[in-house]
Each structure stands twice: as C-alpha cells, then as structure tokens.
Amino acid sequence: MRCLFLLAFSACVDTAETDEPIDEADVAKADTAGAYRHYLLAIDPDHPDYRLLSRANGSTLRCPETGEVAEHCSITEQDLQLTTHDALDVVIDELEDHPIIARGRMVRTTDGRIYLRASALTRGITSVVPTGLCYRISASGQLAKLDSSVVEKSQALEFDYVDPTPDFWGQPTPAVQAKIDAGLALAATRPVYTCGDMDRRDTGNLFWAQQLFVPN
C-alpha cells in the first residue's frame, strides 16, 4: 500500500455557508486571492450524459438552472463561462474522462441568470469522480480544505482509490502511480488538489484519496 507520510498538525473549525452568486458588475474582483472559490465539475455517474457542478469543500450553492440551493447542480455549456484559453465544448467533453476543479465564482446576470465564471481549471489524473471533500496539498504536505480555514491532521495519504482499475493488490498501477508521484512533486510550487475521506483512528488518521488534481 503506497502512501505519502505527512507531518501532524492541528485542525480548526470552519462554518460552511451557501455560495451565493455575485453580481455581474463585480466579476473583476472575483479573480483576486480570497475572492474566488473552488468547484468540482464531473459527469453524473448515474447519467453519463449529464454534467454536475458542486462546491469542492462540500458546502451548498445556488444552481444555475433552477436557482435552488443544493449540494449538486446539473449543468450545460450555457452555465459555464471560461476566462482561460480552453474551449468550452472541449472542457464539457473532457469530463467524460476526468473531473476538473474550477477556480472562479458563481455570477448572476441582470436578468437573473446564474453561471459559473471560471478563471483556472485543474484536471483529475483518472476518471474517478470523488465524493469526499477536496483539499489543497501544501508544500509541507498539509491538507488545507478548499475555501476554508480548516486544516486536517493526518499521518498519511493513501492513493489506492485514485486508480479505477488497480492492480491485483488494489494498489495503483505503475502508470497511475507515476502520475501521482509527478503531481505530488508539483505541490511545493503549484496548486495540487486531492478529494477523499478522512479515516479517523486512535492510532493516527489516514486520508483515503479518491482523486488527485494536477495543473498542466
């Protein structure tokens, strides 16, 4: 079982609130540090033709199509606006192969339409759609919950669930392990994200990663 051993550190409590869209007149402020948020884009595992939008930190948001508050929203191309160099239709198609963490903000137009304005995209290394909360891996190996002050205590990161087709022992195949190693090597200087579940034990917590998101 392969893992990255981390230094122990304390956790603090943060209150998650519903992500309300900002007015379109304020979009220029959304790219500044502390103003943007992180979102998970993925296919719907039960309906592969659908695309889902959710907050990467597990809180709720106001859905583009319905305006209702929910943990997950079904979206189309019309609900996304990219300020990156990526083609929107290509990104939508990409989600069939891997989930994406988008950095940006939900925006409401003057006529009441809601959409996600994304200024950065970080892609998952496999097709696994994570269900756990998402964190940034810091240079020191700490897990900082996205859009939150929460920092989790963990002794190790386990990557077994990142590979949708692991080897006989349930471990990542060499090809996927190489992507994991390359991604972790970037964490000291670039944003690298992981999503998964914390296994809390008396002998020390373990974080079971379900996906690793690595910048291009």
C-alpha atoms as a PDB file:
ATOM      1  CA  MET A   1       0.000   0.000   0.000  1.00  0.00           C
ATOM      2  CA  ARG A   2       1.650   3.221  -1.152  1.00  0.00           C
ATOM      3  CA  CYS A   3       1.231   6.456   0.765  1.00  0.00           C
ATOM      4  CA  LEU A   4       2.779   9.825   1.465  1.00  0.00           C
ATOM      5  CA  PHE A   5       3.589  10.347   5.133  1.00  0.00           C
ATOM      6  CA  LEU A   6       2.663  13.771   6.457  1.00  0.00           C
ATOM      7  CA  LEU A   7       3.613  15.845   9.458  1.00  0.00           C
ATOM      8  CA  ALA A   8       0.953  16.013  12.166  1.00  0.00           C
ATOM      9  CA  PHE A   9      -0.796  19.345  12.562  1.00  0.00           C
ATOM     10  CA  SER A  10      -3.873  20.720  14.275  1.00  0.00           C
ATOM     11  CA  ALA A  11      -7.347  21.270  12.838  1.00  0.00           C
ATOM     12  CA  CYS A  12      -9.613  24.254  13.286  1.00  0.00           C
ATOM     13  CA  VAL A  13     -13.347  24.595  12.802  1.00  0.00           C
ATOM     14  CA  ASP A  14     -14.950  26.487   9.913  1.00  0.00           C
ATOM     15  CA  THR A  15     -18.637  27.062   9.132  1.00  0.00           C
ATOM     16  CA  ALA A  16     -19.675  26.352   5.554  1.00  0.00           C
ATOM     17  CA  GLU A  17     -22.322  28.639   4.075  1.00  0.00           C
ATOM     18  CA  THR A  18     -24.326  28.595   0.871  1.00  0.00           C
ATOM     19  CA  ASP A  19     -22.348  30.006  -2.043  1.00  0.00           C
ATOM     20  CA  GLU A  20     -24.486  32.880  -3.313  1.00  0.00           C
ATOM     21  CA  PRO A  21     -23.687  34.316  -6.763  1.00  0.00           C
ATOM     22  CA  ILE A  22     -22.093  37.738  -7.057  1.00  0.00           C
ATOM     23  CA  ASP A  23     -23.442  40.460  -9.337  1.00  0.00           C
ATOM     24  CA  GLU A  24     -22.025  40.605 -12.838  1.00  0.00           C
ATOM     25  CA  ALA A  25     -20.727  44.119 -12.130  1.00  0.00           C
ATOM     26  CA  ASP A  26     -18.355  42.621  -9.539  1.00  0.00           C
ATOM     27  CA  VAL A  27     -16.779  39.875 -11.685  1.00  0.00           C
ATOM     28  CA  ALA A  28     -13.478  41.766 -11.981  1.00  0.00           C
ATOM     29  CA  LYS A  29     -12.967  41.266  -8.244  1.00  0.00           C
ATOM     30  CA  ALA A  30     -13.539  37.504  -8.454  1.00  0.00           C
ATOM     31  CA  ASP A  31     -10.000  36.701  -9.634  1.00  0.00           C
ATOM     32  CA  THR A  32      -8.260  38.138  -6.584  1.00  0.00           C
ATOM     33  CA  ALA A  33      -6.944  35.826  -3.867  1.00  0.00           C
ATOM     34  CA  GLY A  34      -9.575  35.238  -1.230  1.00  0.00           C
ATOM     35  CA  ALA A  35     -12.430  36.247  -3.529  1.00  0.00           C
ATOM     36  CA  TYR A  36     -12.583  33.197  -5.766  1.00  0.00           C
ATOM     37  CA  ARG A  37     -13.986  29.792  -4.806  1.00  0.00           C
ATOM     38  CA  HIS A  38     -13.355  26.221  -5.949  1.00  0.00           C
ATOM     39  CA  TYR A  39     -15.887  23.984  -7.682  1.00  0.00           C
ATOM     40  CA  LEU A  40     -15.943  20.359  -8.810  1.00  0.00           C
ATOM     41  CA  LEU A  41     -17.041  19.634 -12.384  1.00  0.00           C
ATOM     42  CA  ALA A  42     -17.788  15.993 -13.207  1.00  0.00           C
ATOM     43  CA  ILE A  43     -20.066  13.623 -15.047  1.00  0.00           C
ATOM     44  CA  ASP A  44     -23.113  12.246 -13.267  1.00  0.00           C
ATOM     45  CA  PRO A  45     -22.162   8.595 -12.553  1.00  0.00           C
ATOM     46  CA  ASP A  46     -25.821   7.572 -12.895  1.00  0.00           C
ATOM     47  CA  HIS A  47     -26.378   9.611 -16.079  1.00  0.00           C
ATOM     48  CA  PRO A  48     -23.083   9.922 -18.030  1.00  0.00           C
ATOM     49  CA  ASP A  49     -24.614  12.389 -20.495  1.00  0.00           C
ATOM     50  CA  TYR A  50     -25.190  14.876 -17.655  1.00  0.00           C
ATOM     51  CA  ARG A  51     -22.634  17.190 -16.094  1.00  0.00           C
ATOM     52  CA  LEU A  52     -22.605  18.055 -12.395  1.00  0.00           C
ATOM     53  CA  LEU A  53     -21.390  21.146 -10.537  1.00  0.00           C
ATOM     54  CA  SER A  54     -20.709  21.218  -6.798  1.00  0.00           C
ATOM     55  CA  ARG A  55     -18.612  23.124  -4.251  1.00  0.00           C
ATOM     56  CA  ALA A  56     -15.264  21.427  -3.762  1.00  0.00           C
ATOM     57  CA  ASN A  57     -15.472  21.920   0.016  1.00  0.00           C
ATOM     58  CA  GLY A  58     -18.842  20.182   0.344  1.00  0.00           C
ATOM     59  CA  SER A  59     -20.996  23.230   1.053  1.00  0.00           C
ATOM     60  CA  THR A  60     -24.121  24.180  -0.909  1.00  0.00           C
ATOM     61  CA  LEU A  61     -24.557  26.523  -3.841  1.00  0.00           C
ATOM     62  CA  ARG A  62     -27.364  28.118  -5.825  1.00  0.00           C
ATOM     63  CA  CYS A  63     -27.936  26.132  -9.022  1.00  0.00           C
ATOM     64  CA  PRO A  64     -27.806  27.889 -12.410  1.00  0.00           C
ATOM     65  CA  GLU A  65     -30.869  26.257 -13.972  1.00  0.00           C
ATOM     66  CA  THR A  66     -33.304  26.305 -11.068  1.00  0.00           C
ATOM     67  CA  GLY A  67     -31.949  28.920  -8.666  1.00  0.00           C
ATOM     68  CA  GLU A  68     -32.461  26.406  -5.858  1.00  0.00           C
ATOM     69  CA  VAL A  69     -29.884  25.726  -3.136  1.00  0.00           C
ATOM     70  CA  ALA A  70     -28.354  22.248  -3.415  1.00  0.00           C
ATOM     71  CA  GLU A  71     -25.129  20.258  -2.954  1.00  0.00           C
ATOM     72  CA  HIS A  72     -25.030  19.256  -6.640  1.00  0.00           C
ATOM     73  CA  CYS A  73     -26.387  21.007  -9.743  1.00  0.00           C
ATOM     74  CA  SER A  74     -26.941  19.637 -13.235  1.00  0.00           C
ATOM     75  CA  ILE A  75     -25.357  21.996 -15.768  1.00  0.00           C
ATOM     76  CA  THR A  76     -24.873  22.553 -19.523  1.00  0.00           C
ATOM     77  CA  GLU A  77     -22.420  24.636 -21.576  1.00  0.00           C
ATOM     78  CA  GLN A  78     -24.665  27.662 -21.080  1.00  0.00           C
ATOM     79  CA  ASP A  79     -23.987  27.545 -17.337  1.00  0.00           C
ATOM     80  CA  LEU A  80     -20.209  27.983 -17.721  1.00  0.00           C
ATOM     81  CA  GLN A  81     -18.016  30.871 -18.823  1.00  0.00           C
ATOM     82  CA  LEU A  82     -14.252  30.369 -19.118  1.00  0.00           C
ATOM     83  CA  THR A  83     -11.637  33.109 -18.954  1.00  0.00           C
ATOM     84  CA  THR A  84      -8.943  30.504 -19.665  1.00  0.00           C
ATOM     85  CA  HIS A  85      -7.689  29.506 -23.129  1.00  0.00           C
ATOM     86  CA  ASP A  86      -9.784  26.319 -23.045  1.00  0.00           C
ATOM     87  CA  ALA A  87     -12.650  25.728 -25.483  1.00  0.00           C
ATOM     88  CA  LEU A  88     -15.906  25.333 -23.564  1.00  0.00           C
ATOM     89  CA  ASP A  89     -17.208  22.406 -25.622  1.00  0.00           C
ATOM     90  CA  VAL A  90     -13.878  20.596 -25.204  1.00  0.00           C
ATOM     91  CA  VAL A  91     -13.994  21.023 -21.419  1.00  0.00           C
ATOM     92  CA  ILE A  92     -17.539  19.651 -21.298  1.00  0.00           C
ATOM     93  CA  ASP A  93     -16.402  16.612 -23.305  1.00  0.00           C
ATOM     94  CA  GLU A  94     -13.289  16.202 -21.125  1.00  0.00           C
ATOM     95  CA  LEU A  95     -15.469  15.472 -18.114  1.00  0.00           C
ATOM     96  CA  GLU A  96     -16.223  12.064 -19.583  1.00  0.00           C
ATOM     97  CA  ASP A  97     -12.568  11.177 -18.969  1.00  0.00           C
ATOM     98  CA  HIS A  98     -11.743  13.050 -15.752  1.00  0.00           C
ATOM     99  CA  PRO A  99     -13.279  15.502 -13.267  1.00  0.00           C
ATOM    100  CA  ILE A 100     -11.995  19.080 -13.046  1.00  0.00           C
ATOM    101  CA  ILE A 101     -11.630  21.549 -10.188  1.00  0.00           C
ATOM    102  CA  ALA A 102     -12.547  25.021 -11.426  1.00  0.00           C
ATOM    103  CA  ARG A 103     -11.450  28.206  -9.663  1.00  0.00           C
ATOM    104  CA  GLY A 104     -13.899  31.090 -10.014  1.00  0.00           C
ATOM    105  CA  ARG A 105     -17.236  32.404  -8.792  1.00  0.00           C
ATOM    106  CA  MET A 106     -20.925  31.914  -9.385  1.00  0.00           C
ATOM    107  CA  VAL A 107     -22.321  35.034 -11.085  1.00  0.00           C
ATOM    108  CA  ARG A 108     -25.844  36.391 -11.509  1.00  0.00           C
ATOM    109  CA  THR A 109     -26.684  38.486 -14.569  1.00  0.00           C
ATOM    110  CA  THR A 110     -29.009  41.488 -14.534  1.00  0.00           C
ATOM    111  CA  ASP A 111     -31.798  39.295 -15.911  1.00  0.00           C
ATOM    112  CA  GLY A 112     -31.327  36.749 -13.111  1.00  0.00           C
ATOM    113  CA  ARG A 113     -29.396  34.044 -14.977  1.00  0.00           C
ATOM    114  CA  ILE A 114     -26.735  32.253 -12.888  1.00  0.00           C
ATOM    115  CA  TYR A 115     -23.498  30.825 -14.286  1.00  0.00           C
ATOM    116  CA  LEU A 116     -20.018  29.770 -13.165  1.00  0.00           C
ATOM    117  CA  ARG A 117     -17.211  32.067 -14.317  1.00  0.00           C
ATOM    118  CA  ALA A 118     -14.011  30.007 -14.144  1.00  0.00           C
ATOM    119  CA  SER A 119     -10.541  31.539 -14.325  1.00  0.00           C
ATOM    120  CA  ALA A 120      -8.492  28.350 -13.794  1.00  0.00           C
ATOM    121  CA  LEU A 121      -9.006  24.620 -14.373  1.00  0.00           C
ATOM    122  CA  THR A 122      -7.109  21.782 -12.672  1.00  0.00           C
ATOM    123  CA  ARG A 123      -7.712  18.312 -14.056  1.00  0.00           C
ATOM    124  CA  GLY A 124      -8.000  14.947 -12.328  1.00  0.00           C
ATOM    125  CA  ILE A 125      -5.439  12.303 -13.285  1.00  0.00           C
ATOM    126  CA  THR A 126      -8.005   9.481 -13.703  1.00  0.00           C
ATOM    127  CA  SER A 127     -11.721   9.047 -14.426  1.00  0.00           C
ATOM    128  CA  VAL A 128     -12.722   8.534 -10.764  1.00  0.00           C
ATOM    129  CA  VAL A 129     -15.420  11.004  -9.651  1.00  0.00           C
ATOM    130  CA  PRO A 130     -14.688  11.832  -5.990  1.00  0.00           C
ATOM    131  CA  THR A 131     -17.425  12.010  -3.381  1.00  0.00           C
ATOM    132  CA  GLY A 132     -15.325  13.282  -0.485  1.00  0.00           C
ATOM    133  CA  LEU A 133     -14.214  16.803   0.409  1.00  0.00           C
ATOM    134  CA  CYS A 134     -11.391  18.488  -1.502  1.00  0.00           C
ATOM    135  CA  TYR A 135      -8.151  19.926  -0.160  1.00  0.00           C
ATOM    136  CA  ARG A 136      -5.015  21.622  -1.409  1.00  0.00           C
ATOM    137  CA  ILE A 137      -1.802  19.760  -0.641  1.00  0.00           C
ATOM    138  CA  SER A 138       0.658  22.295   0.733  1.00  0.00           C
ATOM    139  CA  ALA A 139       4.416  22.335   0.287  1.00  0.00           C
ATOM    140  CA  SER A 140       4.805  20.753   3.733  1.00  0.00           C
ATOM    141  CA  GLY A 141       2.292  18.032   2.894  1.00  0.00           C
ATOM    142  CA  GLN A 142      -0.584  19.511   4.896  1.00  0.00           C
ATOM    143  CA  LEU A 143      -4.193  19.214   3.702  1.00  0.00           C
ATOM    144  CA  ALA A 144      -5.963  22.579   3.656  1.00  0.00           C
ATOM    145  CA  LYS A 145      -9.691  22.323   2.975  1.00  0.00           C
ATOM    146  CA  LEU A 146     -10.586  24.455  -0.028  1.00  0.00           C
ATOM    147  CA  ASP A 147     -12.259  27.816   0.650  1.00  0.00           C
ATOM    148  CA  SER A 148     -11.949  27.225   4.367  1.00  0.00           C
ATOM    149  CA  SER A 149      -9.642  27.751   7.315  1.00  0.00           C
ATOM    150  CA  VAL A 150      -9.840  24.042   8.213  1.00  0.00           C
ATOM    151  CA  VAL A 151      -6.580  22.104   8.223  1.00  0.00           C
ATOM    152  CA  GLU A 152      -6.817  18.365   8.848  1.00  0.00           C
ATOM    153  CA  LYS A 153      -4.463  16.227  10.910  1.00  0.00           C
ATOM    154  CA  SER A 154      -3.285  13.140   9.031  1.00  0.00           C
ATOM    155  CA  GLN A 155      -0.366  10.769   9.178  1.00  0.00           C
ATOM    156  CA  ALA A 156      -0.602   9.552   5.610  1.00  0.00           C
ATOM    157  CA  LEU A 157      -2.261   9.907   2.221  1.00  0.00           C
ATOM    158  CA  GLU A 158      -3.429   6.670   0.627  1.00  0.00           C
ATOM    159  CA  PHE A 159      -3.970   6.696  -3.153  1.00  0.00           C
ATOM    160  CA  ASP A 160      -5.489   3.219  -3.747  1.00  0.00           C
ATOM    161  CA  TYR A 161      -8.907   4.608  -4.786  1.00  0.00           C
ATOM    162  CA  VAL A 162      -7.495   7.043  -7.347  1.00  0.00           C
ATOM    163  CA  ASP A 163      -6.991   4.232  -9.871  1.00  0.00           C
ATOM    164  CA  PRO A 164     -10.300   2.938 -11.343  1.00  0.00           C
ATOM    165  CA  THR A 165      -8.530  -0.260 -12.441  1.00  0.00           C
ATOM    166  CA  PRO A 166      -5.945  -1.027  -9.708  1.00  0.00           C
ATOM    167  CA  ASP A 167      -3.612  -3.980  -9.713  1.00  0.00           C
ATOM    168  CA  PHE A 168      -4.277  -7.372  -8.113  1.00  0.00           C
ATOM    169  CA  TRP A 169      -3.427  -5.983  -4.658  1.00  0.00           C
ATOM    170  CA  GLY A 170      -5.755  -2.988  -5.016  1.00  0.00           C
ATOM    171  CA  GLN A 171      -2.870  -0.554  -5.480  1.00  0.00           C
ATOM    172  CA  PRO A 172      -2.452   1.991  -8.299  1.00  0.00           C
ATOM    173  CA  THR A 173      -0.929   0.578 -11.460  1.00  0.00           C
ATOM    174  CA  PRO A 174       2.586   1.811 -12.351  1.00  0.00           C
ATOM    175  CA  ALA A 175       1.176   4.271 -14.920  1.00  0.00           C
ATOM    176  CA  VAL A 176      -1.194   5.872 -12.402  1.00  0.00           C
ATOM    177  CA  GLN A 177       1.440   5.799  -9.635  1.00  0.00           C
ATOM    178  CA  ALA A 178       3.774   7.732 -11.934  1.00  0.00           C
ATOM    179  CA  LYS A 179       1.095  10.417 -12.343  1.00  0.00           C
ATOM    180  CA  ILE A 180       0.607  10.543  -8.571  1.00  0.00           C
ATOM    181  CA  ASP A 181       4.333  10.947  -7.940  1.00  0.00           C
ATOM    182  CA  ALA A 182       4.653  13.648 -10.607  1.00  0.00           C
ATOM    183  CA  GLY A 183       1.652  15.522  -9.215  1.00  0.00           C
ATOM    184  CA  LEU A 184       2.893  15.475  -5.636  1.00  0.00           C
ATOM    185  CA  ALA A 185       6.266  16.805  -6.784  1.00  0.00           C
ATOM    186  CA  LEU A 186       4.476  19.970  -8.008  1.00  0.00           C
ATOM    187  CA  ALA A 187       2.717  20.654  -4.695  1.00  0.00           C
ATOM    188  CA  ALA A 188       5.593  22.770  -3.385  1.00  0.00           C
ATOM    189  CA  THR A 189       5.158  25.411  -6.071  1.00  0.00           C
ATOM    190  CA  ARG A 190       1.775  24.942  -7.750  1.00  0.00           C
ATOM    191  CA  PRO A 191      -1.822  24.178  -6.681  1.00  0.00           C
ATOM    192  CA  VAL A 192      -2.324  20.407  -6.387  1.00  0.00           C
ATOM    193  CA  TYR A 193      -5.656  19.207  -5.025  1.00  0.00           C
ATOM    194  CA  THR A 194      -6.981  15.942  -3.651  1.00  0.00           C
ATOM    195  CA  CYS A 195     -10.500  14.833  -2.716  1.00  0.00           C
ATOM    196  CA  GLY A 196     -11.391  11.969  -0.419  1.00  0.00           C
ATOM    197  CA  ASP A 197     -12.314  10.827   3.085  1.00  0.00           C
ATOM    198  CA  MET A 198     -10.508  11.072   6.397  1.00  0.00           C
ATOM    199  CA  ASP A 199     -10.295   7.793   8.300  1.00  0.00           C
ATOM    200  CA  ARG A 200     -10.031   8.882  11.942  1.00  0.00           C
ATOM    201  CA  ARG A 201      -8.239   6.376  14.160  1.00  0.00           C
ATOM    202  CA  ASP A 202      -6.867   6.384  17.690  1.00  0.00           C
ATOM    203  CA  THR A 203      -3.513   5.365  16.296  1.00  0.00           C
ATOM    204  CA  GLY A 204      -3.462   8.229  13.759  1.00  0.00           C
ATOM    205  CA  ASN A 205      -5.687   9.465  10.956  1.00  0.00           C
ATOM    206  CA  LEU A 206      -5.377   8.299   7.351  1.00  0.00           C
ATOM    207  CA  PHE A 207      -6.663  10.206   4.330  1.00  0.00           C
ATOM    208  CA  TRP A 208      -8.040   7.997   1.562  1.00  0.00           C
ATOM    209  CA  ALA A 209      -7.664   9.999  -1.641  1.00  0.00           C
ATOM    210  CA  GLN A 210     -10.249   9.374  -4.363  1.00  0.00           C
ATOM    211  CA  GLN A 211      -8.702  11.714  -6.923  1.00  0.00           C
ATOM    212  CA  LEU A 212      -5.645  13.888  -7.477  1.00  0.00           C
ATOM    213  CA  PHE A 213      -5.908  17.126  -9.471  1.00  0.00           C
ATOM    214  CA  VAL A 214      -2.691  18.332 -11.083  1.00  0.00           C
ATOM    215  CA  PRO A 215      -2.027  21.548 -13.077  1.00  0.00           C
ATOM    216  CA  ASN A 216      -0.885  21.217 -16.684  1.00  0.00           C
END
